[in-house]
Amino acid sequence: MRAGAQWGVPATGAAALAGRGGDAELAALAASNPGALVHFVPDGRCDLARAIGLTTRAPATWELPIDAIDVHIGEGDDRGDRIAVNMVVLGTRPDRVRRWTRSQSLTVHVDDRVVFDGPATSVVVANGQFLAGLDLVPRGHPGDGRLEVQVYAVGPGERAAMRRRLATGTHVPHPGITSVSGRRIRVRTARPAPGEIDSVADAPSDDWSLEVRPGALRVLV
């Protein structure tokens, strides 16, 4: 999205759907009602609400088109597909990385280009900006048709300082954090990596494919 470009339009009518909860509940609405206009009441778990200014107090006067993340786990895996609206984390969440956290070898492709190949503790694929209230992905914009990718290969001695800067988004740029953006992401790991999809844990896999779904939902704010 170009700097200064308008995002969304004035609300023109009532929402077709209503919902409440966190990011996972909003993602479920996007999965079952593609492109629908939703009146959503966020709770304290809804990190996407922080990114778009959605509150429980202000009257809804604007329609925002929100992207989502299509997630496919495994190759030929019967676990099937998932959808996220905020963030997918593979490996250890950056705010939980400690000096003793093990790295593992992994390869990250973004739009069919290798952007990282080596040991890392974490891969973040973000549509939004915040994780557990931390400004993890300052450049995250849930309506720009792209996903932000961060790969954490921060050395053990630098991890505590990195964690302290997560709240304000000042942990990036960092030579140990690869930051790129794109539309299609594939992550292959040497051993199955745990995943967290909109803050909900999923079973480990060594093969994750993710793609942006533009305009998956329209939210009244």
Protein backbone atom coordinates (compact mmCIF):
# COMPACT_ATOMS: atom_id res chain seq x y z
CA MET A 1 0.00 0.00 0.00
CA ARG A 2 1.37 3.41 -0.98
CA ALA A 3 2.19 5.86 1.79
CA GLY A 4 -0.77 8.18 2.37
CA ALA A 5 -3.20 5.99 0.42
CA GLN A 6 -6.68 5.71 1.91
CA TRP A 7 -7.48 2.39 3.51
CA GLY A 8 -11.15 1.48 3.63
CA VAL A 9 -14.35 3.42 2.96
CA PRO A 10 -17.07 5.04 5.09
CA ALA A 11 -19.56 2.50 6.41
CA THR A 12 -22.57 2.26 4.13
CA GLY A 13 -24.76 -0.23 5.95
CA ALA A 14 -25.19 -2.78 8.68
CA ALA A 15 -22.83 -5.72 9.06
CA ALA A 16 -23.88 -9.09 7.71
CA LEU A 17 -22.25 -10.88 10.64
CA ALA A 18 -21.38 -10.24 14.25
CA GLY A 19 -18.72 -11.86 16.37
CA ARG A 20 -16.52 -11.43 19.40
CA GLY A 21 -13.30 -12.80 20.83
CA GLY A 22 -9.69 -12.95 19.75
CA ASP A 23 -7.78 -13.35 16.51
CA ALA A 24 -8.71 -17.01 16.13
CA GLU A 25 -12.42 -16.22 16.33
CA LEU A 26 -12.06 -13.49 13.71
CA ALA A 27 -10.13 -15.90 11.49
CA ALA A 28 -12.96 -18.43 11.76
CA LEU A 29 -15.38 -15.81 10.45
CA ALA A 30 -13.04 -15.08 7.53
CA ALA A 31 -12.83 -18.79 6.73
CA SER A 32 -16.58 -19.37 6.71
CA ASN A 33 -17.75 -16.04 5.27
CA PRO A 34 -15.20 -14.77 2.71
CA GLY A 35 -15.41 -11.03 2.09
CA ALA A 36 -18.30 -10.48 4.51
CA LEU A 37 -18.81 -7.24 6.43
CA VAL A 38 -18.40 -8.04 10.13
CA HIS A 39 -19.11 -6.18 13.34
CA PHE A 40 -16.53 -7.67 15.69
CA VAL A 41 -16.15 -7.03 19.42
CA PRO A 42 -12.52 -7.77 20.40
CA ASP A 43 -11.37 -9.11 23.73
CA GLY A 44 -7.93 -8.80 25.30
CA ARG A 45 -6.54 -11.61 23.12
CA CYS A 46 -7.24 -9.81 19.83
CA ASP A 47 -3.92 -8.44 18.65
CA LEU A 48 -5.30 -7.53 15.22
CA ALA A 49 -7.67 -5.08 16.94
CA ARG A 50 -4.65 -3.11 18.18
CA ALA A 51 -3.29 -2.86 14.65
CA ILE A 52 -6.50 -1.50 13.09
CA GLY A 53 -7.79 0.63 15.97
CA LEU A 54 -10.79 -1.59 16.68
CA THR A 55 -12.19 -0.96 20.16
CA THR A 56 -15.32 -1.80 22.09
CA ARG A 57 -16.09 1.89 22.71
CA ALA A 58 -16.00 3.90 19.49
CA PRO A 59 -19.01 3.78 17.11
CA ALA A 60 -18.29 1.85 13.92
CA THR A 61 -18.13 4.35 11.06
CA TRP A 62 -15.57 2.83 8.66
CA GLU A 63 -15.21 -0.40 6.66
CA LEU A 64 -11.69 -1.83 6.52
CA PRO A 65 -10.79 -4.68 4.15
CA ILE A 66 -8.62 -7.12 6.09
CA ASP A 67 -6.23 -9.64 4.57
CA ALA A 68 -5.71 -13.11 6.01
CA ILE A 69 -3.05 -15.83 5.88
CA ASP A 70 -3.81 -19.17 4.26
CA VAL A 71 -1.72 -21.81 6.03
CA HIS A 72 -1.03 -25.29 4.67
CA ILE A 73 0.79 -27.66 6.97
CA GLY A 74 2.82 -30.51 5.55
CA GLU A 75 3.09 -31.97 2.09
CA GLY A 76 0.26 -34.37 1.45
CA ASP A 77 -0.60 -34.04 5.12
CA ASP A 78 -4.18 -34.86 6.07
CA ARG A 79 -4.11 -32.13 8.72
CA GLY A 80 -5.20 -29.82 5.88
CA ASP A 81 -5.36 -26.06 5.85
CA ARG A 82 -5.73 -23.29 8.41
CA ILE A 83 -6.41 -19.57 8.21
CA ALA A 84 -5.01 -16.75 10.35
CA VAL A 85 -5.75 -13.03 10.45
CA ASN A 86 -2.84 -11.83 12.56
CA MET A 87 0.30 -13.93 12.84
CA VAL A 88 1.87 -17.36 12.46
CA VAL A 89 4.96 -18.24 14.50
CA LEU A 90 7.09 -21.31 13.77
CA GLY A 91 9.62 -22.53 16.30
CA THR A 92 9.93 -20.57 19.56
CA ARG A 93 8.06 -17.29 19.93
CA PRO A 94 10.56 -14.40 19.99
CA ASP A 95 9.35 -13.25 23.41
CA ARG A 96 10.08 -16.73 24.77
CA VAL A 97 13.54 -17.17 23.26
CA ARG A 98 16.17 -17.59 25.99
CA ARG A 99 19.94 -18.01 25.99
CA TRP A 100 19.53 -21.80 26.00
CA THR A 101 16.83 -21.98 23.27
CA ARG A 102 18.02 -24.32 20.53
CA SER A 103 18.27 -23.17 16.93
CA GLN A 104 17.60 -25.53 14.08
CA SER A 105 18.44 -25.56 10.39
CA LEU A 106 15.68 -24.20 8.19
CA THR A 107 15.09 -22.71 4.76
CA VAL A 108 12.67 -19.86 4.05
CA HIS A 109 11.39 -19.10 0.56
CA VAL A 110 9.50 -15.86 -0.11
CA ASP A 111 7.85 -15.59 -3.53
CA ASP A 112 10.00 -18.53 -4.72
CA ARG A 113 13.25 -16.86 -3.63
CA VAL A 114 15.44 -18.21 -0.82
CA VAL A 115 15.76 -15.46 1.79
CA PHE A 116 17.25 -17.53 4.60
CA ASP A 117 19.07 -20.87 4.83
CA GLY A 118 20.71 -21.72 8.13
CA PRO A 119 20.09 -22.10 11.88
CA ALA A 120 17.37 -20.00 13.57
CA THR A 121 15.08 -20.17 16.58
CA SER A 122 11.94 -18.60 15.10
CA VAL A 123 10.10 -17.67 11.93
CA VAL A 124 7.30 -15.10 12.11
CA VAL A 125 4.84 -14.60 9.24
CA ALA A 126 2.66 -11.60 9.99
CA ASN A 127 -0.41 -9.97 8.55
CA GLY A 128 -0.77 -7.73 11.63
CA GLN A 129 1.69 -5.94 13.87
CA PHE A 130 1.30 -7.08 17.48
CA LEU A 131 1.77 -10.36 19.34
CA ALA A 132 0.55 -10.53 22.94
CA GLY A 133 0.56 -6.72 22.87
CA LEU A 134 4.22 -6.55 21.79
CA ASP A 135 5.11 -4.51 18.70
CA LEU A 136 6.72 -7.53 17.10
CA VAL A 137 6.30 -6.51 13.44
CA PRO A 138 6.28 -2.69 13.24
CA ARG A 139 5.81 -2.77 9.45
CA GLY A 140 2.82 -5.11 9.60
CA HIS A 141 -0.22 -3.76 7.71
CA PRO A 142 -3.26 -6.07 7.53
CA GLY A 143 -4.60 -4.44 4.37
CA ASP A 144 -1.61 -4.09 2.04
CA GLY A 145 -1.86 -7.47 0.28
CA ARG A 146 1.51 -8.62 1.61
CA LEU A 147 2.90 -10.61 4.54
CA GLU A 148 5.87 -9.59 6.66
CA VAL A 149 8.44 -12.30 7.41
CA GLN A 150 11.00 -12.28 10.21
CA VAL A 151 13.61 -14.99 10.78
CA TYR A 152 15.35 -14.89 14.17
CA ALA A 153 18.99 -16.01 14.25
CA VAL A 154 19.95 -13.86 17.24
CA GLY A 155 22.98 -15.07 19.19
CA PRO A 156 22.48 -16.31 22.78
CA GLY A 157 24.23 -13.30 24.29
CA GLU A 158 21.94 -10.85 22.49
CA ARG A 159 18.58 -12.45 23.17
CA ALA A 160 17.74 -10.80 26.49
CA ALA A 161 18.32 -7.34 25.02
CA MET A 162 16.25 -8.29 21.97
CA ARG A 163 13.33 -9.34 24.17
CA ARG A 164 13.42 -6.07 26.10
CA ARG A 165 12.96 -4.13 22.85
CA LEU A 166 10.00 -6.14 21.54
CA ALA A 167 7.40 -4.00 23.32
CA THR A 168 8.41 -0.88 21.41
CA GLY A 169 9.33 -2.46 18.07
CA THR A 170 12.95 -1.31 18.41
CA HIS A 171 14.34 -4.86 18.12
CA VAL A 172 14.47 -4.32 14.34
CA PRO A 173 16.50 -3.71 12.33
CA HIS A 174 18.98 -6.22 13.74
CA PRO A 175 21.73 -8.15 11.95
CA GLY A 176 20.41 -11.38 13.46
CA ILE A 177 16.82 -10.83 12.28
CA THR A 178 16.07 -11.25 8.57
CA SER A 179 13.07 -9.07 7.63
CA VAL A 180 11.40 -9.31 4.21
CA SER A 181 7.88 -9.16 2.80
CA GLY A 182 6.03 -11.08 0.11
CA ARG A 183 2.88 -12.95 -0.83
CA ARG A 184 3.90 -16.61 -0.72
CA ILE A 185 6.11 -18.15 1.96
CA ARG A 186 7.40 -21.68 2.43
CA VAL A 187 9.36 -22.82 5.47
CA ARG A 188 11.16 -26.17 5.55
CA THR A 189 12.81 -27.27 8.81
CA ALA A 190 15.34 -30.00 9.59
CA ARG A 191 13.03 -31.41 12.26
CA PRO A 192 9.33 -30.75 12.90
CA ALA A 193 8.82 -27.24 14.28
CA PRO A 194 5.87 -26.30 16.50
CA GLY A 195 3.51 -23.70 15.12
CA GLU A 196 1.32 -21.05 16.69
CA ILE A 197 -1.51 -19.78 14.49
CA ASP A 198 -3.19 -16.64 15.82
CA SER A 199 -1.81 -17.55 19.27
CA VAL A 200 -3.29 -21.07 19.11
CA ALA A 201 -0.73 -23.90 19.25
CA ASP A 202 -0.67 -26.40 16.40
CA ALA A 203 1.20 -29.70 16.09
CA PRO A 204 4.77 -29.61 14.75
CA SER A 205 5.59 -30.02 11.07
CA ASP A 206 8.70 -29.70 8.93
CA ASP A 207 6.88 -28.11 5.98
CA TRP A 208 4.76 -24.94 6.18
CA SER A 209 3.30 -23.03 3.22
CA LEU A 210 1.62 -19.66 3.75
CA GLU A 211 -0.01 -17.22 1.34
CA VAL A 212 -1.76 -13.89 1.73
CA ARG A 213 -5.52 -13.82 1.07
CA PRO A 214 -6.29 -10.19 0.17
CA GLY A 215 -9.59 -8.75 1.35
CA ALA A 216 -10.57 -11.87 3.25
CA LEU A 217 -12.99 -9.92 5.45
CA ARG A 218 -14.34 -6.41 5.92
CA VAL A 219 -14.42 -5.15 9.52
CA LEU A 220 -16.39 -2.20 10.89
CA VAL A 221 -14.22 0.09 13.00
